[in-house]
Amino acid sequence: MYPLHRQREQPIFSARAHVFQIDPATKRNWLPASKHAVTVSFFFDASRSVYRVISVGGTKAIINSTITPNMTFTKTSQKFGQWADSRANTVYGLGFSTEQQLQQFAEKFKEVKEAARLVREKSQERFELANPALNIAAPQELSEERHSPPLLTVNGPGEEKLFRSRSAEVELTAEKERVRKMLSEGSMCEINLEAELFTLQDSNAKLVAALQEANSSVEQWKNQLAEYQEETDRLRDQVAELETQLGRPAAGQPGKEELSQSLEELEALLRAKDQEIQNLQSKKTDVGELEKEKEEIILRLQDLEKRNLELENRVQSAEKSLATNQEEQEQAEVEVQRIIDVLDVKICDLRGLRQSLAKLVDK
């Protein structure tokens, strides 16, 4: 039902612990985020090359922390450890039942942090190789400054073209910053959507399990309801018969008292059976409510998947725009170099003419 999420998120390691968060007001006291021990897992997102720590308590994600190379997991006692998450602006604390579990979690945190560092370095190398124009931007500016006096003194149109080249470079820099900001905002929005999706999936799994259990008991409830209805009809017949007998003249007073007592017992039993029938009917209503809630959750999950797809399309469009701007910058650099070469030739010609004029003057 959720193939995209299952393919992208792969669990690496899981442990059970009590989850705490630092009090945002005092920054000293711990606030419990879970009433009991919950599962805390390391996940790897293969499509985005991101490691995360995720824990779900009830119907919400109480931990959704992206591991970065700057994070450090600190053991503050034999069974307690903590780490700070600057993106979430909080500090998470975990209380384990044994010292061995704390040691295993700390070692796994260290391994994941090192893996995140390697992934970041590889990503930076790929970005630098894919965008060589960014690495030569500074030398190009120095070269333009060195050649600017001949351009300004010899040829007027060259100044206009150089100005246009610098304007294009400024616009390209602004476009890059805008694209980077858009990518970072899209990444944060995607993280929030994935956290909500993860929470909804856990809630939906619990509802599905409860619905299956309720469906398996429906037939049994129906059989019990039929038996109770038959017994109720039988008891009602007995009550009617006893009432008829009470209406007849009896031989002695003790017989009437016994019949009255039996009638009261049968009426009490009848009320108990009616109450059981009402309870079974209310349980059947709960099953219908679970089905409605399940349908609402499915609709919300579909909406989240659509929003995630729209964000991915926006990121792809931004990447295409950045590639187009880089091609325009390369063309502008080629044009500037061609103008510089032409000006160098003209300078040489002028020098030759100046020497010829000097010789003529000497003669």
Protein backbone atom coordinates (compact mmCIF):
# COMPACT_ATOMS: atom_id res chain seq x y z
CA MET A 1 0.00 0.00 0.00
CA TYR A 2 2.99 2.29 0.66
CA PRO A 3 5.67 1.07 -1.77
CA LEU A 4 7.45 4.42 -2.10
CA HIS A 5 7.97 4.82 1.63
CA ARG A 6 9.05 1.21 2.17
CA GLN A 7 11.61 1.38 -0.64
CA ARG A 8 13.13 4.64 0.55
CA GLU A 9 13.22 4.00 4.33
CA GLN A 10 15.24 0.96 5.43
CA PRO A 11 15.58 0.14 9.15
CA ILE A 12 19.15 -0.44 10.36
CA PHE A 13 18.96 -0.91 14.13
CA SER A 14 16.20 -0.84 16.78
CA ALA A 15 16.12 -0.68 20.57
CA ARG A 16 13.53 -0.04 23.28
CA ALA A 17 13.95 2.91 25.61
CA HIS A 18 12.11 5.61 27.52
CA VAL A 19 12.19 8.87 25.51
CA PHE A 20 12.70 12.32 27.06
CA GLN A 21 13.04 15.87 25.71
CA ILE A 22 14.68 18.87 27.35
CA ASP A 23 12.33 21.45 28.87
CA PRO A 24 12.39 24.42 26.40
CA ALA A 25 11.69 26.84 29.24
CA THR A 26 14.47 25.86 31.69
CA LYS A 27 16.85 23.97 29.33
CA ARG A 28 17.70 21.82 32.37
CA ASN A 29 14.78 19.57 33.29
CA TRP A 30 13.74 16.50 31.30
CA LEU A 31 10.15 16.07 30.10
CA PRO A 32 8.94 12.49 29.38
CA ALA A 33 7.87 12.09 25.74
CA SER A 34 6.51 8.55 26.25
CA LYS A 35 4.60 6.94 29.11
CA HIS A 36 6.44 3.65 28.67
CA ALA A 37 9.37 2.20 26.75
CA VAL A 38 9.00 2.57 22.97
CA THR A 39 10.95 1.38 19.94
CA VAL A 40 13.72 3.73 18.76
CA SER A 41 15.09 2.89 15.30
CA PHE A 42 17.78 4.07 12.90
CA PHE A 43 16.50 4.45 9.32
CA PHE A 44 18.32 5.08 6.02
CA ASP A 45 16.64 6.99 3.17
CA ALA A 46 18.38 5.61 0.05
CA SER A 47 16.92 8.20 -2.34
CA ARG A 48 18.13 11.20 -0.30
CA SER A 49 21.13 9.47 1.36
CA VAL A 50 19.97 10.55 4.82
CA TYR A 51 20.20 8.73 8.16
CA ARG A 52 17.49 9.38 10.75
CA VAL A 53 16.43 8.32 14.27
CA ILE A 54 12.67 7.75 14.43
CA SER A 55 10.38 6.70 17.28
CA VAL A 56 6.58 6.62 17.32
CA GLY A 57 4.53 6.77 20.49
CA GLY A 58 0.81 6.22 20.10
CA THR A 59 -0.27 8.13 17.00
CA LYS A 60 2.57 10.67 16.68
CA ALA A 61 6.30 10.66 16.01
CA ILE A 62 8.08 11.64 19.24
CA ILE A 63 11.55 11.46 17.62
CA ASN A 64 12.35 12.46 14.03
CA SER A 65 16.03 13.46 14.09
CA THR A 66 18.27 13.64 11.00
CA ILE A 67 21.82 12.50 11.84
CA THR A 68 24.60 14.93 10.86
CA PRO A 69 28.39 14.62 11.27
CA ASN A 70 28.33 17.36 13.95
CA MET A 71 26.07 15.40 16.33
CA THR A 72 27.45 13.60 19.38
CA PHE A 73 25.70 10.99 21.55
CA THR A 74 26.81 11.43 25.18
CA LYS A 75 26.38 8.81 27.92
CA THR A 76 25.52 10.76 31.08
CA SER A 77 24.97 7.70 33.31
CA GLN A 78 25.09 3.90 33.15
CA LYS A 79 21.68 3.65 31.47
CA PHE A 80 21.02 7.13 30.06
CA GLY A 81 22.31 8.98 27.00
CA GLN A 82 21.46 12.16 25.08
CA TRP A 83 22.15 14.14 21.88
CA ALA A 84 21.27 17.62 20.61
CA ASP A 85 19.36 18.27 17.37
CA SER A 86 19.80 21.86 16.15
CA ARG A 87 17.18 21.46 13.39
CA ALA A 88 14.49 20.39 15.86
CA ASN A 89 15.86 22.91 18.42
CA THR A 90 15.77 20.34 21.23
CA VAL A 91 17.80 17.73 23.10
CA TYR A 92 16.67 14.09 23.13
CA GLY A 93 17.32 11.74 26.04
CA LEU A 94 16.99 7.94 26.12
CA GLY A 95 16.73 5.77 29.21
CA PHE A 96 17.59 2.07 28.68
CA SER A 97 16.86 -0.90 30.91
CA THR A 98 20.45 -2.20 30.80
CA GLU A 99 23.91 -0.73 30.35
CA GLN A 100 24.55 -3.11 27.43
CA GLN A 101 21.63 -1.67 25.45
CA LEU A 102 22.96 1.86 26.01
CA GLN A 103 26.43 0.79 24.79
CA GLN A 104 24.98 -0.83 21.65
CA PHE A 105 22.93 2.28 20.83
CA ALA A 106 25.94 4.58 21.36
CA GLU A 107 28.13 2.46 19.06
CA LYS A 108 25.44 2.38 16.37
CA PHE A 109 25.00 6.19 16.67
CA LYS A 110 28.74 6.62 16.12
CA GLU A 111 28.69 4.34 13.06
CA VAL A 112 25.71 6.17 11.54
CA LYS A 113 27.32 9.57 12.18
CA GLU A 114 30.49 8.44 10.36
CA ALA A 115 28.39 7.09 7.48
CA ALA A 116 26.55 10.44 7.27
CA ARG A 117 29.93 12.23 7.09
CA LEU A 118 31.09 10.02 4.22
CA VAL A 119 27.82 10.54 2.37
CA ARG A 120 28.15 14.33 2.74
CA GLU A 121 31.74 14.32 1.44
CA LYS A 122 30.80 12.21 -1.58
CA SER A 123 27.84 14.49 -2.27
CA GLN A 124 30.08 17.58 -2.18
CA GLU A 125 32.60 15.94 -4.52
CA ARG A 126 29.87 15.04 -7.00
CA PHE A 127 28.49 18.59 -6.84
CA GLU A 128 31.92 20.13 -7.48
CA LEU A 129 32.58 17.79 -10.41
CA ALA A 130 29.16 18.49 -11.87
CA ASN A 131 29.57 22.29 -11.50
CA PRO A 132 33.18 23.24 -12.45
CA ALA A 133 32.13 26.82 -13.24
CA LEU A 134 31.64 27.48 -9.52
CA ASN A 135 35.29 26.62 -8.77
CA ILE A 136 36.78 29.09 -11.29
CA ALA A 137 34.55 32.05 -10.46
CA ALA A 138 37.19 33.88 -8.38
CA PRO A 139 40.09 33.61 -10.90
CA GLN A 140 37.77 34.78 -13.65
CA GLU A 141 36.92 37.94 -11.72
CA LEU A 142 40.64 38.67 -11.18
CA SER A 143 41.31 38.17 -14.86
CA GLU A 144 38.53 40.56 -15.77
CA GLU A 145 39.97 43.19 -13.43
CA ARG A 146 43.42 42.88 -14.99
CA HIS A 147 42.11 43.32 -18.53
CA SER A 148 39.54 45.99 -17.72
CA PRO A 149 41.79 49.06 -18.43
CA PRO A 150 42.43 48.16 -22.10
CA LEU A 151 38.72 47.43 -22.57
CA LEU A 152 37.74 50.79 -21.14
CA THR A 153 40.36 52.82 -23.07
CA VAL A 154 40.33 51.12 -26.45
CA ASN A 155 36.85 49.95 -27.27
CA GLY A 156 33.53 51.36 -25.99
CA PRO A 157 31.28 48.38 -26.92
CA GLY A 158 33.62 46.07 -24.98
CA GLU A 159 32.72 47.94 -21.80
CA GLU A 160 29.02 47.40 -22.47
CA LYS A 161 29.53 43.66 -23.11
CA LEU A 162 31.65 43.30 -19.96
CA PHE A 163 28.96 45.08 -17.95
CA ARG A 164 26.36 42.72 -19.37
CA SER A 165 28.54 39.73 -18.47
CA ARG A 166 28.89 40.90 -14.88
CA SER A 167 25.16 41.57 -14.66
CA ALA A 168 24.46 38.07 -15.92
CA GLU A 169 26.87 36.69 -13.33
CA VAL A 170 25.12 38.61 -10.53
CA GLU A 171 21.74 37.39 -11.73
CA LEU A 172 23.08 33.84 -11.91
CA THR A 173 24.38 34.08 -8.33
CA ALA A 174 20.98 35.34 -7.11
CA GLU A 175 19.27 32.54 -9.02
CA LYS A 176 21.57 29.97 -7.39
CA GLU A 177 20.76 31.29 -3.92
CA ARG A 178 17.04 31.22 -4.70
CA VAL A 179 17.26 27.64 -5.97
CA ARG A 180 19.27 26.55 -2.92
CA LYS A 181 16.74 28.15 -0.61
CA MET A 182 13.90 26.45 -2.50
CA LEU A 183 15.68 23.09 -2.25
CA SER A 184 16.27 23.48 1.50
CA GLU A 185 12.63 24.50 2.09
CA GLY A 186 11.44 21.58 -0.02
CA SER A 187 13.69 19.20 1.96
CA MET A 188 12.34 20.39 5.33
CA CYS A 189 8.76 20.17 4.08
CA GLU A 190 9.44 16.68 2.78
CA ILE A 191 10.86 15.63 6.18
CA ASN A 192 7.74 16.92 7.95
CA LEU A 193 5.48 15.16 5.44
CA GLU A 194 7.40 11.90 5.86
CA ALA A 195 7.10 12.15 9.65
CA GLU A 196 3.35 12.68 9.37
CA LEU A 197 3.14 9.85 6.82
CA PHE A 198 5.07 7.55 9.17
CA THR A 199 2.69 8.42 12.04
CA LEU A 200 -0.39 7.85 9.88
CA GLN A 201 0.97 4.50 8.70
CA ASP A 202 1.47 3.33 12.28
CA SER A 203 -2.03 4.51 13.23
CA ASN A 204 -3.51 2.84 10.15
CA ALA A 205 -1.73 -0.44 10.95
CA LYS A 206 -3.24 -0.41 14.45
CA LEU A 207 -6.70 0.36 13.06
CA VAL A 208 -6.39 -2.43 10.48
CA ALA A 209 -5.39 -4.90 13.21
CA ALA A 210 -8.34 -3.80 15.38
CA LEU A 211 -10.68 -4.02 12.40
CA GLN A 212 -9.50 -7.53 11.53
CA GLU A 213 -9.97 -8.62 15.13
CA ALA A 214 -13.45 -7.08 15.19
CA ASN A 215 -14.39 -8.73 11.87
CA SER A 216 -13.24 -12.11 13.16
CA SER A 217 -15.55 -11.65 16.17
CA VAL A 218 -18.59 -10.47 14.18
CA GLU A 219 -19.78 -13.98 13.38
CA GLN A 220 -19.34 -15.04 16.97
CA TRP A 221 -21.29 -11.99 18.13
CA LYS A 222 -24.07 -12.78 15.66
CA ASN A 223 -24.34 -16.35 16.92
CA GLN A 224 -24.40 -15.16 20.54
CA LEU A 225 -27.01 -12.56 19.64
CA ALA A 226 -29.24 -15.20 18.03
CA GLU A 227 -28.87 -17.47 21.08
CA TYR A 228 -29.69 -14.60 23.43
CA GLN A 229 -32.74 -13.67 21.37
CA GLU A 230 -34.01 -17.27 21.45
CA GLU A 231 -33.45 -17.47 25.18
CA THR A 232 -35.18 -14.11 25.63
CA ASP A 233 -38.20 -15.32 23.69
CA ARG A 234 -38.29 -18.46 25.78
CA LEU A 235 -38.08 -16.49 29.01
CA ARG A 236 -40.82 -14.17 27.83
CA ASP A 237 -43.03 -17.16 27.12
CA GLN A 238 -42.32 -18.45 30.60
CA VAL A 239 -43.14 -15.05 32.09
CA ALA A 240 -46.41 -14.95 30.16
CA GLU A 241 -47.24 -18.45 31.34
CA LEU A 242 -46.44 -17.56 34.94
CA GLU A 243 -48.57 -14.43 34.72
CA THR A 244 -51.43 -16.56 33.41
CA GLN A 245 -50.98 -18.97 36.30
CA LEU A 246 -50.91 -16.09 38.78
CA GLY A 247 -54.20 -14.85 37.37
CA ARG A 248 -55.90 -18.19 38.11
CA PRO A 249 -57.23 -19.03 41.63
CA ALA A 250 -54.62 -21.07 43.52
CA ALA A 251 -55.17 -23.74 46.18
CA GLY A 252 -52.84 -22.16 48.75
CA GLN A 253 -50.97 -18.94 49.50
CA PRO A 254 -47.40 -20.44 49.48
CA GLY A 255 -47.80 -21.41 45.79
CA LYS A 256 -48.44 -17.78 44.81
CA GLU A 257 -45.37 -16.55 46.66
CA GLU A 258 -43.17 -19.12 44.90
CA LEU A 259 -44.57 -18.10 41.53
CA SER A 260 -43.99 -14.41 42.30
CA GLN A 261 -40.39 -15.10 43.28
CA SER A 262 -39.81 -17.15 40.14
CA LEU A 263 -41.33 -14.34 38.07
CA GLU A 264 -38.97 -11.77 39.61
CA GLU A 265 -35.96 -13.99 38.94
CA LEU A 266 -37.01 -14.48 35.34
CA GLU A 267 -37.52 -10.73 34.84
CA ALA A 268 -34.05 -10.01 36.27
CA LEU A 269 -32.51 -12.60 33.94
CA LEU A 270 -34.43 -11.09 31.03
CA ARG A 271 -33.05 -7.61 31.81
CA ALA A 272 -29.51 -9.01 31.98
CA LYS A 273 -29.91 -10.65 28.57
CA ASP A 274 -31.28 -7.41 27.09
CA GLN A 275 -28.23 -5.55 28.41
CA GLU A 276 -25.89 -8.11 26.80
CA ILE A 277 -27.73 -7.70 23.47
CA GLN A 278 -27.28 -3.91 23.65
CA ASN A 279 -23.56 -4.33 24.39
CA LEU A 280 -23.13 -6.55 21.34
CA GLN A 281 -24.94 -4.03 19.15
CA SER A 282 -22.71 -1.19 20.40
CA LYS A 283 -19.61 -3.27 19.58
CA LYS A 284 -20.94 -3.75 16.06
CA THR A 285 -21.29 0.06 15.77
CA ASP A 286 -17.64 0.48 16.87
CA VAL A 287 -16.55 -1.72 13.95
CA GLY A 288 -18.32 0.62 11.51
CA GLU A 289 -16.61 3.65 13.07
CA LEU A 290 -13.21 1.94 12.70
CA GLU A 291 -13.89 1.36 9.02
CA LYS A 292 -14.79 5.05 8.51
CA GLU A 293 -11.65 6.19 10.34
CA LYS A 294 -9.55 3.83 8.22
CA GLU A 295 -11.01 5.32 5.00
CA GLU A 296 -10.25 8.87 6.23
CA ILE A 297 -6.62 7.90 6.98
CA ILE A 298 -6.23 6.36 3.52
CA LEU A 299 -7.48 9.60 1.93
CA ARG A 300 -5.01 11.65 3.99
CA LEU A 301 -2.15 9.36 2.97
CA GLN A 302 -3.06 9.75 -0.70
CA ASP A 303 -3.11 13.54 -0.30
CA LEU A 304 0.33 13.47 1.34
CA GLU A 305 1.73 11.36 -1.50
CA LYS A 306 0.38 13.90 -4.03
CA ARG A 307 1.99 16.79 -2.15
CA ASN A 308 5.29 14.92 -1.97
CA LEU A 309 5.17 14.33 -5.74
CA GLU A 310 4.53 18.03 -6.36
CA LEU A 311 7.58 18.93 -4.24
CA GLU A 312 9.76 16.51 -6.20
CA ASN A 313 8.56 18.08 -9.48
CA ARG A 314 9.42 21.55 -8.16
CA VAL A 315 12.92 20.39 -7.19
CA GLN A 316 13.49 18.86 -10.65
CA SER A 317 12.31 22.10 -12.31
CA ALA A 318 14.70 24.12 -10.14
CA GLU A 319 17.60 21.84 -11.06
CA LYS A 320 16.82 22.26 -14.77
CA SER A 321 16.72 26.05 -14.36
CA LEU A 322 20.10 26.00 -12.60
CA ALA A 323 21.63 23.91 -15.43
CA THR A 324 20.27 26.37 -18.02
CA ASN A 325 21.78 29.34 -16.18
CA GLN A 326 25.16 27.59 -16.01
CA GLU A 327 25.13 27.10 -19.80
CA GLU A 328 24.37 30.82 -20.27
CA GLN A 329 27.27 31.74 -18.00
CA GLU A 330 29.66 29.53 -19.97
CA GLN A 331 28.57 31.19 -23.23
CA ALA A 332 29.12 34.64 -21.67
CA GLU A 333 32.62 33.62 -20.57
CA VAL A 334 33.47 32.46 -24.11
CA GLU A 335 32.23 35.79 -25.54
CA VAL A 336 34.32 37.80 -23.03
CA GLN A 337 37.44 35.79 -23.87
CA ARG A 338 36.88 36.37 -27.59
CA ILE A 339 36.58 40.14 -27.01
CA ILE A 340 39.79 40.09 -24.97
CA ASP A 341 41.64 38.31 -27.78
CA VAL A 342 40.38 40.88 -30.34
CA LEU A 343 41.48 43.73 -28.10
CA ASP A 344 44.92 42.19 -27.66
CA VAL A 345 45.30 42.07 -31.46
CA LYS A 346 44.22 45.73 -31.77
CA ILE A 347 46.66 46.75 -29.04
CA CYS A 348 49.47 45.03 -30.94
CA ASP A 349 48.41 46.85 -34.13
CA LEU A 350 48.39 50.19 -32.31
CA ARG A 351 51.82 49.56 -30.92
CA GLY A 352 53.07 48.75 -34.42
CA LEU A 353 51.53 51.97 -35.80
CA ARG A 354 53.04 53.96 -32.92
CA GLN A 355 56.51 52.57 -33.71
CA SER A 356 56.03 53.36 -37.41
CA LEU A 357 55.04 56.95 -36.58
CA ALA A 358 58.09 57.28 -34.30
CA LYS A 359 60.37 56.15 -37.13
CA LEU A 360 58.77 58.61 -39.56
CA VAL A 361 59.22 61.44 -37.08
CA ASP A 362 62.90 60.53 -36.63
CA LYS A 363 63.46 60.60 -40.39
